[in-house]
Amino acid sequence: MADFSNGQTCPSANPTIETMRRVGLAGALAVAAWLAFLTCFQPSIQVSDIDATEAEDASPAGKPDRNVSSSVHKSGDAPPGGELSGKTLPDSLQTGNSITDDIQKDEVSLESIESGNPTSSAFNESSHEASLPKPLIDPKERGGSAGSTRPVIAVQGQAWEKFFASVKKTFASNMPVAGWEHRIGSGELASAREHAERSSTDSRDFFKVWFFPSEEPLRELDSRIETGKSYYLKLQAPQPAYLQIYYSAGPRLHGFGGILHAPEAFSYPYRKYAMWVALGGLLFYIVLPWSREGMNTIAMTAWRVVLGDFASLGLLFAPFFLAPLAIVGGSVEAVTDAWWFTAMFWLLAFLGLVSEYLILPWAVYQILVRKDSFRISRLDGSDELSLKDIEYIKLACLGAPQWLQVANAVAFVATPTAQAPCAFGRYCLLKGSQLMGLYVHTRDNRSAYIWYTDQSGNICLTNWDKFIDLLEKANIEFREEVVSLRKLVPPFKDK
């Protein structure tokens, strides 16, 4: 008789733990996808550089300042990090007297704008726009503000000097200063780093740097500027420097393409947590206790269970849950404005969950063999069967249900000629696939099914040959009749 008595006794798989393992992973993948595209549209401020040639053309004296000013734009709540760097305003930030003198004529202080009584000359002279330094903007946006007049706001203090220095350094080096990487788009940042590696000095990979209005020192302007308008900032210094700011109402979704004109930190602020949530779910899946395999344990091989989980959750559920959120560009927008579109994808994602539900019983299924009995553990409980109480054993065969075979045949007939070989292959696979097992009947009229092959006929249970030896040497009657079943889900016992 096969010896199971000396085998290590292993605990049976815990249904609660196996269920938690898969629910935790599926939930983490869903939350990660949701966070990755959860939008947060808030007002923003953007900054762009000053073109030296245009500054020269704007100068009444016709003499370009050898240094270049900068310009800024605005929008929402500040993200963590991104502390302004720099101690003093370098000389390279300061503009020439020809531009300075001309702007000083039309300057409007913070106090005058707040009180609603700006100097009339700052707004009514047609030459005002031409006299100001012109920002270098993205060529795609050029012309959008032509002819508009911008009030001038005077600022001063060490915080503003550091801000001007950091902005100038960012554009002069074509690379955000440390901590400002989130203020430009990820594609722009990658391009800037590529040019930096090649020591390219004539490239300009971004035209705006983004800020939230609650960040220092920009929060000083929050109550003094209006949404959708541009302004000039003048740094009060012995030789002033200038910036242009634009107060934007915030980024927005652009059709089915995602966020228009906004870095991820200003449109998808929670995306940085998505990967950690997904990894946490995977870690949860791995670290929960697994039932050990021993000489007296008969169970589904572990790699088959893990592969089934990967196919159901990793290849079917996760991609189709994520796809509509990525295509629409926003999690909330996908389930509100484009719910009909999302429903089509999530129906396929639901099939992944159904597939995982069908795999779960196999993850729990286990036969613990003792010297003269064995215990079958299932998702819905367990049964103890004594070898001497078994009346007979029959072979069992499980095939696809009749309705599924008919539907498959109809699909094959309706398939276009070009796709007929693939459809014929699917038809043959379904027609020939079957599970093989044993039907065990006891003297007290209990019964159980023990399925030991996959649909291709390969044995999928560990220690199966030893279990067969044990049954044969226990003088149990094997009957020739075959119990044939047509079901979508294999039963583990008679109801």
Protein backbone atom coordinates (compact mmCIF):
# COMPACT_ATOMS: atom_id res chain seq x y z
CA MET A 1 0.00 0.00 0.00
CA ALA A 2 1.23 3.49 -0.77
CA ASP A 3 2.70 5.04 2.34
CA PHE A 4 1.07 8.34 3.30
CA SER A 5 1.52 7.83 7.03
CA ASN A 6 5.03 9.27 7.14
CA GLY A 7 4.21 12.28 5.00
CA GLN A 8 4.26 15.74 6.52
CA THR A 9 0.82 16.81 7.68
CA CYS A 10 0.00 20.11 5.98
CA PRO A 11 -2.82 22.48 6.86
CA SER A 12 -5.57 22.65 4.27
CA ALA A 13 -6.02 25.82 2.26
CA ASN A 14 -8.05 28.40 4.17
CA PRO A 15 -11.04 29.62 2.09
CA THR A 16 -11.05 32.98 3.85
CA ILE A 17 -7.36 33.60 3.19
CA GLU A 18 -7.59 32.51 -0.45
CA THR A 19 -10.60 34.76 -0.98
CA MET A 20 -8.89 37.73 0.70
CA ARG A 21 -5.77 37.17 -1.42
CA ARG A 22 -7.68 37.61 -4.66
CA VAL A 23 -10.12 40.28 -3.51
CA GLY A 24 -7.20 42.32 -2.18
CA LEU A 25 -5.29 42.12 -5.46
CA ALA A 26 -8.32 42.93 -7.61
CA GLY A 27 -9.25 45.84 -5.33
CA ALA A 28 -5.72 47.24 -5.38
CA LEU A 29 -5.58 47.11 -9.18
CA ALA A 30 -8.93 48.90 -9.44
CA VAL A 31 -7.95 51.61 -6.92
CA ALA A 32 -4.58 52.12 -8.63
CA ALA A 33 -6.26 52.60 -12.01
CA TRP A 34 -8.78 55.02 -10.49
CA LEU A 35 -6.08 57.12 -8.78
CA ALA A 36 -3.94 57.21 -11.92
CA PHE A 37 -6.67 59.10 -13.79
CA LEU A 38 -8.45 60.91 -10.95
CA THR A 39 -8.44 64.53 -12.09
CA CYS A 40 -8.04 67.61 -9.91
CA PHE A 41 -8.73 70.68 -12.03
CA GLN A 42 -7.71 73.84 -10.16
CA PRO A 43 -6.52 77.30 -11.19
CA SER A 44 -2.83 77.51 -12.13
CA ILE A 45 -0.01 80.01 -12.88
CA GLN A 46 2.39 79.48 -15.82
CA VAL A 47 5.81 81.10 -16.51
CA SER A 48 7.63 81.60 -19.83
CA ASP A 49 10.94 83.10 -20.93
CA ILE A 50 11.62 86.43 -22.71
CA ASP A 51 13.04 86.34 -26.20
CA ALA A 52 16.09 88.63 -26.42
CA THR A 53 15.38 89.58 -30.05
CA GLU A 54 11.81 90.61 -29.26
CA ALA A 55 13.04 92.57 -26.23
CA GLU A 56 15.46 94.40 -28.53
CA ASP A 57 12.66 95.26 -30.95
CA ALA A 58 10.55 96.56 -28.06
CA SER A 59 13.31 98.87 -26.83
CA PRO A 60 12.78 102.54 -27.82
CA ALA A 61 16.52 103.10 -28.03
CA GLY A 62 16.98 100.14 -30.37
CA LYS A 63 19.65 98.73 -28.04
CA PRO A 64 19.00 95.24 -26.71
CA ASP A 65 19.71 94.54 -23.10
CA ARG A 66 22.34 91.80 -22.94
CA ASN A 67 20.24 90.07 -20.28
CA VAL A 68 16.81 88.49 -20.80
CA SER A 69 13.77 88.88 -18.57
CA SER A 70 11.27 86.08 -17.84
CA SER A 71 7.49 85.72 -17.85
CA VAL A 72 4.99 83.75 -15.68
CA HIS A 73 1.41 82.23 -15.88
CA LYS A 74 -1.19 80.97 -12.90
CA SER A 75 -3.70 78.03 -11.41
CA GLY A 76 -4.98 75.78 -7.82
CA ASP A 77 -3.56 74.31 -4.50
CA ALA A 78 0.14 73.73 -4.11
CA PRO A 79 1.50 70.20 -4.30
CA PRO A 80 4.11 69.10 -1.79
CA GLY A 81 7.71 69.93 -2.51
CA GLY A 82 9.00 72.29 -5.19
CA GLU A 83 10.71 74.73 -2.82
CA LEU A 84 12.15 77.77 -4.57
CA SER A 85 15.90 77.85 -4.76
CA GLY A 86 18.44 80.64 -5.11
CA LYS A 87 19.73 83.24 -2.66
CA THR A 88 20.15 86.48 -4.59
CA LEU A 89 19.00 87.82 -7.91
CA PRO A 90 21.91 87.48 -10.36
CA ASP A 91 22.85 90.25 -12.77
CA SER A 92 21.72 88.10 -15.70
CA LEU A 93 18.10 88.61 -14.54
CA GLN A 94 18.19 92.35 -14.73
CA THR A 95 16.89 94.19 -17.80
CA GLY A 96 18.26 97.19 -19.67
CA ASN A 97 17.37 100.75 -18.90
CA SER A 98 15.62 101.27 -22.25
CA ILE A 99 12.95 98.67 -21.42
CA THR A 100 12.88 99.59 -17.72
CA ASP A 101 12.25 103.28 -18.29
CA ASP A 102 9.45 102.58 -20.74
CA ILE A 103 7.63 100.11 -18.45
CA GLN A 104 7.99 102.37 -15.42
CA LYS A 105 5.75 104.90 -17.19
CA ASP A 106 2.82 102.44 -17.19
CA GLU A 107 3.47 100.60 -13.93
CA VAL A 108 0.50 99.72 -11.70
CA SER A 109 1.25 98.73 -8.11
CA LEU A 110 -0.47 95.93 -6.21
CA GLU A 111 -2.31 98.50 -4.16
CA SER A 112 -3.70 100.36 -7.18
CA ILE A 113 -5.07 97.18 -8.79
CA GLU A 114 -6.61 96.04 -5.51
CA SER A 115 -8.33 99.37 -5.02
CA GLY A 116 -9.73 99.27 -8.60
CA ASN A 117 -8.08 102.65 -9.60
CA PRO A 118 -5.18 101.79 -11.92
CA THR A 119 -3.30 104.57 -13.64
CA SER A 120 -5.14 105.33 -16.85
CA SER A 121 -1.97 105.55 -18.96
CA ALA A 122 -1.27 101.91 -18.14
CA PHE A 123 -4.29 100.76 -20.14
CA ASN A 124 -5.18 103.36 -22.77
CA GLU A 125 -2.03 103.92 -24.80
CA SER A 126 -1.76 101.70 -27.86
CA SER A 127 2.02 101.72 -27.60
CA HIS A 128 1.89 100.09 -24.15
CA GLU A 129 2.02 96.50 -25.43
CA ALA A 130 4.91 97.14 -27.78
CA SER A 131 6.98 98.78 -25.05
CA LEU A 132 6.84 95.70 -22.78
CA PRO A 133 9.16 92.72 -23.10
CA LYS A 134 7.41 89.98 -25.09
CA PRO A 135 7.29 86.44 -23.73
CA LEU A 136 8.62 83.55 -25.75
CA ILE A 137 5.66 81.19 -25.98
CA ASP A 138 4.89 77.94 -27.70
CA PRO A 139 4.55 78.64 -31.45
CA LYS A 140 1.21 76.78 -31.39
CA GLU A 141 -0.12 79.44 -29.00
CA ARG A 142 1.45 82.48 -30.66
CA GLY A 143 -1.02 85.18 -31.51
CA GLY A 144 -3.53 84.25 -28.85
CA SER A 145 -2.84 87.42 -26.85
CA ALA A 146 -1.93 89.80 -29.63
CA GLY A 147 -3.07 93.31 -29.07
CA SER A 148 -3.98 92.83 -25.45
CA THR A 149 -2.78 95.15 -22.71
CA ARG A 150 -1.45 93.82 -19.44
CA PRO A 151 -1.37 95.69 -16.13
CA VAL A 152 1.97 95.84 -14.36
CA ILE A 153 2.20 94.66 -10.75
CA ALA A 154 5.20 95.65 -8.66
CA VAL A 155 6.64 93.07 -6.24
CA GLN A 156 9.63 93.12 -3.94
CA GLY A 157 11.38 91.12 -1.24
CA GLN A 158 13.83 88.28 -0.88
CA ALA A 159 11.19 85.61 -1.69
CA TRP A 160 10.47 87.27 -5.02
CA GLU A 161 14.18 87.59 -5.80
CA LYS A 162 14.61 83.85 -5.24
CA PHE A 163 11.56 83.16 -7.38
CA PHE A 164 12.89 85.28 -10.27
CA ALA A 165 16.30 83.64 -9.98
CA SER A 166 14.86 80.12 -10.08
CA VAL A 167 12.63 80.88 -13.05
CA LYS A 168 15.52 82.42 -15.00
CA LYS A 169 17.80 79.51 -14.19
CA THR A 170 15.14 77.03 -15.33
CA PHE A 171 14.79 78.57 -18.78
CA ALA A 172 18.46 79.46 -19.21
CA SER A 173 19.51 75.85 -18.61
CA ASN A 174 16.50 74.28 -20.36
CA MET A 175 16.04 72.19 -17.22
CA PRO A 176 13.81 72.75 -14.16
CA VAL A 177 15.68 73.54 -10.96
CA ALA A 178 15.70 70.80 -8.33
CA GLY A 179 12.20 70.21 -7.00
CA TRP A 180 10.48 71.79 -10.00
CA GLU A 181 10.41 68.72 -12.24
CA HIS A 182 6.64 68.38 -11.73
CA ARG A 183 6.06 71.88 -13.11
CA ILE A 184 6.46 70.80 -16.75
CA GLY A 185 5.06 67.87 -18.68
CA SER A 186 6.67 64.46 -18.40
CA GLY A 187 7.39 64.43 -22.14
CA GLU A 188 9.01 67.85 -21.96
CA LEU A 189 11.11 66.78 -18.99
CA ALA A 190 12.30 63.65 -20.80
CA SER A 191 13.25 65.70 -23.86
CA ALA A 192 15.09 68.26 -21.73
CA ARG A 193 17.09 65.53 -20.00
CA GLU A 194 17.96 63.99 -23.35
CA HIS A 195 19.29 67.30 -24.63
CA ALA A 196 21.18 67.82 -21.37
CA GLU A 197 22.93 64.47 -21.80
CA ARG A 198 24.01 65.56 -25.29
CA SER A 199 25.10 68.98 -23.93
CA SER A 200 22.77 70.70 -26.39
CA THR A 201 22.61 74.43 -25.63
CA ASP A 202 20.31 75.63 -28.42
CA SER A 203 17.22 73.58 -27.54
CA ARG A 204 14.04 74.78 -25.90
CA ASP A 205 11.86 71.89 -24.76
CA PHE A 206 9.26 73.77 -22.74
CA PHE A 207 7.71 77.22 -22.80
CA LYS A 208 5.81 77.33 -19.50
CA VAL A 209 6.45 76.51 -15.86
CA TRP A 210 3.33 75.82 -13.82
CA PHE A 211 2.48 76.93 -10.27
CA PHE A 212 -0.48 76.87 -7.91
CA PRO A 213 -1.63 80.30 -6.65
CA SER A 214 -1.31 79.17 -3.03
CA GLU A 215 2.46 78.74 -3.39
CA GLU A 216 4.87 81.31 -2.02
CA PRO A 217 5.40 84.02 -3.05
CA LEU A 218 2.55 83.87 -5.58
CA ARG A 219 -0.11 83.71 -2.90
CA GLU A 220 0.38 87.48 -2.47
CA LEU A 221 -1.28 87.92 -5.87
CA ASP A 222 -4.23 85.63 -5.32
CA SER A 223 -6.80 88.30 -4.46
CA ARG A 224 -5.44 90.87 -6.93
CA ILE A 225 -5.66 89.06 -10.26
CA GLU A 226 -8.57 87.75 -12.29
CA THR A 227 -9.07 84.46 -14.05
CA GLY A 228 -8.27 84.48 -17.76
CA LYS A 229 -6.16 87.65 -17.70
CA SER A 230 -2.44 88.33 -18.20
CA TYR A 231 -0.28 90.63 -16.10
CA TYR A 232 3.34 91.75 -15.91
CA LEU A 233 5.29 91.48 -12.68
CA LYS A 234 8.02 93.96 -11.97
CA LEU A 235 10.65 93.11 -9.37
CA GLN A 236 11.43 96.28 -7.40
CA ALA A 237 15.24 96.37 -7.44
CA PRO A 238 18.01 98.85 -8.37
CA GLN A 239 17.71 97.42 -11.89
CA PRO A 240 14.23 95.86 -12.17
CA ALA A 241 13.39 92.53 -13.82
CA TYR A 242 10.07 91.54 -15.34
CA LEU A 243 7.82 88.49 -15.56
CA GLN A 244 4.51 87.91 -17.29
CA ILE A 245 1.77 86.00 -15.46
CA TYR A 246 -1.43 84.47 -16.77
CA TYR A 247 -4.19 83.36 -14.39
CA SER A 248 -5.76 80.24 -15.89
CA ALA A 249 -9.04 78.79 -14.72
CA GLY A 250 -7.37 75.37 -14.68
CA PRO A 251 -6.68 72.53 -17.08
CA ARG A 252 -9.51 70.68 -18.77
CA LEU A 253 -10.26 67.45 -20.58
CA HIS A 254 -9.78 67.62 -24.33
CA GLY A 255 -12.23 65.16 -25.86
CA PHE A 256 -11.06 61.55 -25.54
CA GLY A 257 -7.43 62.56 -25.34
CA GLY A 258 -6.69 63.54 -21.77
CA ILE A 259 -5.64 66.83 -20.16
CA LEU A 260 -5.00 69.85 -22.35
CA HIS A 261 -1.89 71.93 -21.56
CA ALA A 262 -1.15 70.76 -18.00
CA PRO A 263 1.61 68.68 -16.37
CA GLU A 264 0.50 65.59 -14.47
CA ALA A 265 0.98 67.22 -11.06
CA PHE A 266 -1.61 69.85 -12.02
CA SER A 267 -4.13 67.46 -13.57
CA TYR A 268 -3.54 63.99 -12.06
CA PRO A 269 -2.10 64.76 -8.60
CA TYR A 270 -2.78 61.25 -7.24
CA ARG A 271 -1.06 59.36 -10.06
CA LYS A 272 2.18 59.16 -8.09
CA TYR A 273 0.42 56.94 -5.54
CA ALA A 274 -1.13 54.55 -8.09
CA MET A 275 1.94 52.37 -8.57
CA TRP A 276 2.43 51.98 -4.82
CA VAL A 277 -1.19 50.88 -4.39
CA ALA A 278 -0.80 48.27 -7.14
CA LEU A 279 2.46 47.01 -5.65
CA GLY A 280 0.81 46.87 -2.22
CA GLY A 281 -1.93 44.64 -3.62
CA LEU A 282 0.64 42.37 -5.24
CA LEU A 283 2.60 42.18 -1.98
CA PHE A 284 -0.61 41.37 -0.11
CA TYR A 285 -1.26 38.56 -2.59
CA ILE A 286 2.22 37.13 -2.03
CA VAL A 287 2.69 37.43 1.74
CA LEU A 288 -0.60 35.89 2.85
CA PRO A 289 0.04 32.31 4.06
CA TRP A 290 0.03 29.63 1.38
CA SER A 291 -0.88 26.02 2.17
CA ARG A 292 2.22 23.86 2.03
CA GLU A 293 2.46 20.81 -0.19
CA GLY A 294 3.43 17.57 1.53
CA MET A 295 3.63 13.88 0.77
CA ASN A 296 0.10 13.38 2.09
CA THR A 297 -1.42 16.39 0.29
CA ILE A 298 -3.20 16.23 -3.05
CA ALA A 299 -3.98 19.65 -4.51
CA MET A 300 -3.86 21.72 -7.67
CA THR A 301 -0.25 22.54 -8.59
CA ALA A 302 0.61 26.04 -7.38
CA TRP A 303 1.83 27.35 -10.72
CA ARG A 304 -1.51 26.56 -12.35
CA VAL A 305 -3.39 28.53 -9.70
CA VAL A 306 -1.05 31.53 -9.95
CA LEU A 307 -1.18 31.45 -13.75
CA GLY A 308 -4.98 31.41 -13.59
CA ASP A 309 -4.96 34.44 -11.29
CA PHE A 310 -2.60 36.27 -13.64
CA ALA A 311 -4.74 35.52 -16.69
CA SER A 312 -7.99 36.56 -14.97
CA LEU A 313 -6.83 39.67 -13.10
CA GLY A 314 -3.69 40.72 -14.96
CA LEU A 315 -4.74 40.10 -18.56
CA LEU A 316 -8.52 40.49 -18.47
CA PHE A 317 -9.71 42.50 -15.47
CA ALA A 318 -6.99 45.15 -15.05
CA PRO A 319 -6.54 46.19 -18.74
CA PHE A 320 -10.27 46.51 -19.45
CA PHE A 321 -10.93 48.32 -16.17
CA LEU A 322 -8.13 50.80 -16.91
CA ALA A 323 -8.73 51.31 -20.64
CA PRO A 324 -11.82 53.60 -20.53
CA LEU A 325 -10.29 55.75 -17.78
CA ALA A 326 -7.16 56.27 -19.88
CA ILE A 327 -9.08 56.89 -23.12
CA VAL A 328 -11.52 59.38 -21.61
CA GLY A 329 -8.77 60.98 -19.55
CA GLY A 330 -10.50 61.12 -16.16
CA SER A 331 -11.89 58.57 -13.70
CA VAL A 332 -14.97 60.55 -12.65
CA GLU A 333 -15.59 61.76 -16.20
CA ALA A 334 -15.45 58.18 -17.50
CA VAL A 335 -18.32 57.06 -15.25
CA THR A 336 -20.40 60.22 -15.69
CA ASP A 337 -19.99 61.91 -19.08
CA ALA A 338 -18.90 58.74 -20.93
CA TRP A 339 -20.59 56.04 -18.85
CA TRP A 340 -21.88 54.24 -21.96
CA PHE A 341 -18.35 53.98 -23.32
CA THR A 342 -16.95 52.77 -19.99
CA ALA A 343 -19.70 50.16 -19.60
CA MET A 344 -18.55 48.33 -22.74
CA PHE A 345 -15.04 47.89 -21.35
CA TRP A 346 -16.11 47.12 -17.82
CA LEU A 347 -18.33 44.31 -19.08
CA LEU A 348 -15.16 42.55 -20.25
CA ALA A 349 -13.45 43.44 -16.97
CA PHE A 350 -16.37 41.79 -15.15
CA LEU A 351 -15.69 38.61 -17.12
CA GLY A 352 -12.22 38.66 -15.60
CA LEU A 353 -13.77 38.69 -12.14
CA VAL A 354 -16.05 35.83 -13.13
CA SER A 355 -13.04 33.87 -14.33
CA GLU A 356 -11.30 34.53 -11.01
CA TYR A 357 -14.40 33.33 -9.16
CA LEU A 358 -14.21 30.06 -11.10
CA ILE A 359 -10.53 29.68 -10.23
CA LEU A 360 -11.05 30.23 -6.52
CA PRO A 361 -12.48 26.74 -5.77
CA TRP A 362 -9.37 25.16 -7.28
CA ALA A 363 -7.13 27.31 -5.09
CA VAL A 364 -8.93 25.95 -2.01
CA TYR A 365 -9.46 22.37 -3.19
CA GLN A 366 -7.26 19.89 -1.33
CA ILE A 367 -7.28 16.22 -0.32
CA LEU A 368 -5.49 15.40 2.92
CA VAL A 369 -4.71 11.65 3.00
CA ARG A 370 -4.33 9.67 6.22
CA LYS A 371 -3.55 5.99 6.73
CA ASP A 372 -7.13 4.70 6.31
CA SER A 373 -9.13 7.80 5.27
CA PHE A 374 -8.90 11.09 3.48
CA ARG A 375 -10.48 14.53 3.90
CA ILE A 376 -11.64 16.61 0.93
CA SER A 377 -11.51 20.38 1.58
CA ARG A 378 -13.57 22.62 -0.67
CA LEU A 379 -14.62 26.25 -0.78
CA ASP A 380 -17.95 25.41 0.86
CA GLY A 381 -16.64 23.02 3.53
CA SER A 382 -14.98 19.60 3.86
CA ASP A 383 -15.88 15.90 3.96
CA GLU A 384 -14.11 13.04 5.73
CA LEU A 385 -14.22 9.74 3.79
CA SER A 386 -13.03 6.44 5.23
CA LEU A 387 -11.54 3.95 2.78
CA LYS A 388 -13.60 1.10 4.20
CA ASP A 389 -16.83 3.13 3.76
CA ILE A 390 -16.33 3.65 0.00
CA GLU A 391 -18.75 1.39 -1.90
CA TYR A 392 -17.44 1.95 -5.44
CA ILE A 393 -15.58 4.39 -7.72
CA LYS A 394 -16.40 5.32 -11.31
CA LEU A 395 -14.66 7.43 -13.92
CA ALA A 396 -16.21 10.86 -14.47
CA CYS A 397 -16.05 13.03 -17.57
CA LEU A 398 -17.02 16.71 -17.77
CA GLY A 399 -17.62 18.40 -21.14
CA ALA A 400 -18.90 21.77 -22.29
CA PRO A 401 -22.68 22.23 -21.94
CA GLN A 402 -24.78 21.63 -25.03
CA TRP A 403 -25.91 25.26 -25.36
CA LEU A 404 -22.30 26.45 -25.45
CA GLN A 405 -21.38 23.93 -28.13
CA VAL A 406 -24.35 25.01 -30.26
CA ALA A 407 -23.43 28.70 -29.86
CA ASN A 408 -19.85 27.88 -30.82
CA ALA A 409 -21.02 25.99 -33.92
CA VAL A 410 -23.24 28.89 -34.99
CA ALA A 411 -20.34 31.33 -34.53
CA PHE A 412 -18.15 29.08 -36.68
CA VAL A 413 -20.73 28.96 -39.50
CA ALA A 414 -21.24 32.74 -39.39
CA THR A 415 -17.51 33.51 -39.41
CA PRO A 416 -16.17 35.20 -42.59
CA THR A 417 -14.02 33.01 -44.82
CA ALA A 418 -10.81 34.87 -43.97
CA GLN A 419 -11.23 34.06 -40.26
CA ALA A 420 -12.58 30.54 -40.75
CA PRO A 421 -9.35 28.71 -39.71
CA CYS A 422 -9.31 30.45 -36.31
CA ALA A 423 -13.01 29.83 -35.79
CA PHE A 424 -12.61 26.16 -36.72
CA GLY A 425 -9.77 25.88 -34.23
CA ARG A 426 -11.92 27.31 -31.45
CA TYR A 427 -14.75 24.94 -32.38
CA CYS A 428 -12.48 21.90 -32.23
CA LEU A 429 -10.91 22.94 -28.93
CA LEU A 430 -14.27 23.34 -27.24
CA LYS A 431 -15.66 20.15 -28.78
CA GLY A 432 -12.71 18.06 -27.64
CA SER A 433 -11.98 19.63 -24.26
CA GLN A 434 -13.03 17.68 -21.19
CA LEU A 435 -12.07 17.14 -17.57
CA MET A 436 -11.45 13.64 -16.24
CA GLY A 437 -12.10 12.69 -12.66
CA LEU A 438 -13.35 10.05 -10.22
CA TYR A 439 -16.87 9.66 -8.90
CA VAL A 440 -16.65 8.28 -5.32
CA HIS A 441 -19.80 6.79 -3.75
CA THR A 442 -19.95 5.69 -0.09
CA ARG A 443 -22.09 3.10 1.64
CA ASP A 444 -24.02 5.82 3.50
CA ASN A 445 -25.08 7.31 0.14
CA ARG A 446 -22.61 10.20 0.05
CA SER A 447 -20.69 11.02 -3.10
CA ALA A 448 -17.84 13.24 -4.27
CA TYR A 449 -16.13 14.17 -7.52
CA ILE A 450 -12.35 14.32 -7.66
CA TRP A 451 -11.19 16.03 -10.88
CA TYR A 452 -7.56 15.28 -11.67
CA THR A 453 -6.92 16.53 -15.25
CA ASP A 454 -7.15 19.82 -17.06
CA GLN A 455 -9.11 20.26 -20.30
CA SER A 456 -6.15 18.98 -22.31
CA GLY A 457 -5.99 15.73 -20.35
CA ASN A 458 -2.87 16.58 -18.33
CA ILE A 459 -2.83 15.54 -14.66
CA CYS A 460 -3.04 18.73 -12.60
CA LEU A 461 -2.98 17.37 -9.01
CA THR A 462 0.13 16.66 -6.96
CA ASN A 463 0.83 13.10 -5.66
CA TRP A 464 -1.98 11.73 -7.80
CA ASP A 465 -0.23 8.44 -8.67
CA LYS A 466 0.26 7.63 -5.00
CA PHE A 467 -3.40 8.33 -4.29
CA ILE A 468 -4.46 5.90 -7.05
CA ASP A 469 -2.16 3.23 -5.57
CA LEU A 470 -3.77 3.76 -2.19
CA LEU A 471 -7.29 3.31 -3.61
CA GLU A 472 -6.37 0.21 -5.60
CA LYS A 473 -4.71 -1.53 -2.66
CA ALA A 474 -7.67 -0.78 -0.39
CA ASN A 475 -9.78 -3.34 -2.32
CA ILE A 476 -12.29 -0.72 -3.45
CA GLU A 477 -14.54 -1.68 -6.38
CA PHE A 478 -13.88 0.20 -9.61
CA ARG A 479 -16.86 0.12 -11.96
CA GLU A 480 -16.57 0.49 -15.73
CA GLU A 481 -19.45 2.88 -16.18
CA VAL A 482 -18.52 6.50 -16.86
CA VAL A 483 -20.41 9.36 -15.27
CA SER A 484 -20.76 11.89 -18.09
CA LEU A 485 -21.62 15.50 -17.25
CA ARG A 486 -22.25 18.58 -19.37
CA LYS A 487 -21.65 21.63 -17.18
CA LEU A 488 -19.86 24.93 -17.37
CA VAL A 489 -18.50 24.62 -13.80
CA PRO A 490 -17.30 21.24 -12.48
CA PRO A 491 -19.17 20.01 -9.38
CA PHE A 492 -17.23 18.66 -6.42
CA LYS A 493 -20.11 16.73 -4.87
CA ASP A 494 -23.70 15.67 -5.61
CA LYS A 495 -26.28 18.11 -4.31
